[in-house]
Amino acid sequence: MNYKNWDFNFFVQGVYGNEIYWQAAQDIEGFYRAFNITQRVYDNRWTGSGTSNTQPRVSWSGATNNKKPSTRFLFDGSYIRLKNITLGYTFNHIGKHNNKIKTFRVYCSTQNLFTFTKYPGLDPEMQTSNNSTGEGDLAKNIDWGTYPMAQVFTIGLNMSF
C-alpha cells in the first residue's frame, strides 16, 4: 500500500488442520530418565484409581516405560504468522541542486514478528532436516526440537541515481 511518499507492506502466512508429532516431547516426557519432567506431565499425570488425567502414570522402568510412540504427542499444528512487515518513506528529488540522487528511501522491516498457535512446541513451522533421520518423506510433520524461525529486524536505505 502506498500513501504519498509512504509505503507499507505485510505478509501473513498460515496453516490450518495439519497435525504435528512432537518428537522432542516424547524424548522429554517419555519417562525413560528420572529427571526433567515437564510441568504439563506433572500436572496431568495419572496418580491412582479414580483420578482423571491426560498423561500416563510416571514410571521409569519395566513394561510401563512410556517412551513409546503415542497420540499424546500429536498436536494441532495450525498457526497464523505475521511473516513480514515493512514501512518505508521515499524522499524524491533529493539531488535537485546536483542531480546526483533521484530518490532516497528509508525503511524498516521485520520478519516473523508474531505467531498465533496452540502448538506447545517451539515453532509449528518446523525446519526439519530429514537427512539426519534417514526416513525421508516418512519424517514429515515430525518436530525433532529444531530451532524456531528467527525474528529479523532490518533498517535499510535505497538510493537511485
Protein backbone atom coordinates (compact mmCIF):
# COMPACT_ATOMS: atom_id res chain seq x y z
CA MET A 1 0.00 0.00 0.00
CA ASN A 2 1.25 3.48 -0.80
CA TYR A 3 0.15 6.85 0.51
CA LYS A 4 2.01 9.90 -0.69
CA ASN A 5 5.66 9.05 -0.05
CA TRP A 6 4.92 6.27 2.44
CA ASP A 7 4.84 2.58 1.56
CA PHE A 8 3.58 -0.23 3.76
CA ASN A 9 3.64 -3.96 3.04
CA PHE A 10 2.85 -7.02 5.08
CA PHE A 11 2.65 -10.75 4.51
CA VAL A 12 0.59 -13.11 6.66
CA GLN A 13 1.04 -16.86 6.37
CA GLY A 14 -0.93 -19.62 7.98
CA VAL A 15 -1.76 -23.29 8.01
CA TYR A 16 -4.96 -24.90 9.21
CA GLY A 17 -5.75 -28.50 10.01
CA ASN A 18 -2.35 -30.17 10.00
CA GLU A 19 -1.04 -32.29 12.84
CA ILE A 20 2.50 -32.36 14.20
CA TYR A 21 4.09 -35.24 16.04
CA TRP A 22 6.18 -33.58 18.76
CA GLN A 23 9.12 -35.98 18.93
CA ALA A 24 11.03 -33.67 21.28
CA ALA A 25 8.20 -34.03 23.82
CA GLN A 26 8.35 -37.80 23.50
CA ASP A 27 12.05 -37.63 24.34
CA ILE A 28 11.49 -35.29 27.32
CA GLU A 29 8.18 -36.66 28.60
CA GLY A 30 8.78 -40.34 27.89
CA PHE A 31 9.86 -41.09 31.50
CA TYR A 32 12.91 -43.03 30.44
CA ARG A 33 15.09 -41.00 32.79
CA ALA A 34 14.35 -39.94 36.34
CA PHE A 35 14.58 -36.20 35.71
CA ASN A 36 13.29 -33.37 33.53
CA ILE A 37 9.57 -33.96 33.73
CA THR A 38 7.65 -31.06 32.25
CA GLN A 39 5.00 -29.18 34.18
CA ARG A 40 2.40 -30.45 31.69
CA VAL A 41 3.20 -34.06 32.63
CA TYR A 42 3.39 -33.37 36.35
CA ASP A 43 0.03 -31.56 36.45
CA ASN A 44 -1.84 -34.10 34.28
CA ARG A 45 -0.31 -37.45 35.24
CA TRP A 46 -2.27 -40.45 36.44
CA THR A 47 -1.94 -40.71 40.24
CA GLY A 48 -4.16 -43.66 41.07
CA SER A 49 -7.58 -45.16 40.60
CA GLY A 50 -10.38 -42.66 40.36
CA THR A 51 -8.19 -39.88 39.02
CA SER A 52 -8.71 -38.19 35.70
CA ASN A 53 -5.71 -37.49 33.55
CA THR A 54 -4.28 -36.86 30.10
CA GLN A 55 -0.82 -38.30 30.86
CA PRO A 56 0.01 -41.87 31.91
CA ARG A 57 1.47 -42.93 35.24
CA VAL A 58 5.03 -41.68 35.66
CA SER A 59 7.37 -44.67 35.64
CA TRP A 60 10.99 -45.06 34.60
CA SER A 61 11.29 -48.80 34.27
CA GLY A 62 9.72 -52.03 33.10
CA ALA A 63 6.75 -52.52 30.84
CA THR A 64 5.33 -49.14 31.84
CA ASN A 65 8.10 -47.22 30.07
CA ASN A 66 6.08 -44.52 28.35
CA LYS A 67 8.59 -43.53 25.69
CA LYS A 68 6.63 -45.40 23.07
CA PRO A 69 5.04 -43.51 20.15
CA SER A 70 1.62 -42.28 21.19
CA THR A 71 -1.12 -39.93 20.08
CA ARG A 72 -0.47 -37.93 23.25
CA PHE A 73 2.46 -36.40 21.35
CA LEU A 74 0.26 -35.49 18.36
CA PHE A 75 -0.81 -31.82 18.33
CA ASP A 76 -2.73 -29.39 16.17
CA GLY A 77 -0.15 -27.57 14.04
CA SER A 78 -2.43 -24.77 12.83
CA TYR A 79 -0.97 -21.27 13.02
CA ILE A 80 -1.09 -17.74 11.67
CA ARG A 81 2.19 -15.84 11.42
CA LEU A 82 2.96 -12.23 10.53
CA LYS A 83 5.82 -13.28 8.27
CA ASN A 84 6.96 -9.87 7.06
CA ILE A 85 6.05 -6.23 7.62
CA THR A 86 7.78 -3.24 6.02
CA LEU A 87 7.30 0.50 6.43
CA GLY A 88 9.22 2.95 4.25
CA TYR A 89 9.40 6.60 3.28
CA THR A 90 10.75 7.87 -0.05
CA PHE A 91 12.33 11.28 -0.47
CA ASN A 92 12.06 12.37 -4.11
CA HIS A 93 14.42 14.71 -5.95
CA ILE A 94 16.97 14.92 -3.15
CA GLY A 95 19.63 15.98 -5.62
CA LYS A 96 17.77 18.91 -7.20
CA HIS A 97 20.85 21.04 -6.93
CA ASN A 98 23.40 18.49 -8.09
CA ASN A 99 21.16 15.96 -9.95
CA LYS A 100 23.05 13.02 -8.45
CA ILE A 101 20.37 11.35 -6.27
CA LYS A 102 16.89 10.88 -7.76
CA THR A 103 15.21 9.03 -4.88
CA PHE A 104 16.22 8.19 -1.36
CA ARG A 105 14.14 5.62 0.56
CA VAL A 106 14.46 4.75 4.26
CA TYR A 107 12.67 1.67 5.55
CA CYS A 108 12.38 -0.72 8.46
CA SER A 109 11.30 -4.32 8.14
CA THR A 110 10.57 -7.21 10.48
CA GLN A 111 10.28 -10.91 9.75
CA ASN A 112 8.41 -13.44 11.92
CA LEU A 113 7.12 -10.80 14.33
CA PHE A 114 4.09 -12.70 15.70
CA THR A 115 2.88 -16.30 15.61
CA PHE A 116 -0.55 -17.30 16.88
CA THR A 117 -0.83 -21.03 17.59
CA LYS A 118 -1.88 -23.56 20.21
CA TYR A 119 1.05 -25.82 19.33
CA PRO A 120 3.16 -26.25 22.51
CA GLY A 121 6.47 -26.84 20.68
CA LEU A 122 8.96 -24.16 19.74
CA ASP A 123 7.59 -23.47 16.27
CA PRO A 124 4.75 -25.02 14.25
CA GLU A 125 6.64 -24.12 11.04
CA MET A 126 9.35 -26.70 11.55
CA GLN A 127 12.64 -26.52 9.70
CA THR A 128 13.48 -30.21 9.95
CA SER A 129 16.28 -31.85 8.04
CA ASN A 130 15.10 -35.36 7.23
CA ASN A 131 18.59 -36.36 6.13
CA SER A 132 19.63 -36.85 9.75
CA THR A 133 16.82 -39.34 10.43
CA GLY A 134 17.21 -41.35 7.25
CA GLU A 135 13.43 -41.53 6.97
CA GLY A 136 12.98 -39.08 4.08
CA ASP A 137 9.32 -38.33 3.38
CA LEU A 138 8.22 -40.53 6.28
CA ALA A 139 9.55 -37.90 8.71
CA LYS A 140 7.29 -35.07 7.53
CA ASN A 141 5.47 -33.17 10.30
CA ILE A 142 7.71 -34.59 12.99
CA ASP A 143 9.16 -31.91 15.27
CA TRP A 144 12.59 -33.05 16.44
CA GLY A 145 13.08 -29.90 18.53
CA THR A 146 14.71 -27.73 15.90
CA TYR A 147 15.27 -24.02 16.49
CA PRO A 148 12.28 -21.77 15.79
CA MET A 149 12.24 -19.30 12.91
CA ALA A 150 14.40 -16.31 13.78
CA GLN A 151 12.95 -12.86 14.21
CA VAL A 152 14.81 -10.45 11.95
CA PHE A 153 14.75 -6.67 12.31
CA THR A 154 16.16 -4.65 9.39
CA ILE A 155 16.69 -0.95 8.84
CA GLY A 156 17.64 -0.06 5.29
CA LEU A 157 18.33 2.58 2.73
CA ASN A 158 17.67 2.55 -1.03
CA MET A 159 19.05 5.21 -3.35
CA SER A 160 18.69 5.66 -7.08
CA PHE A 161 20.98 7.91 -9.06
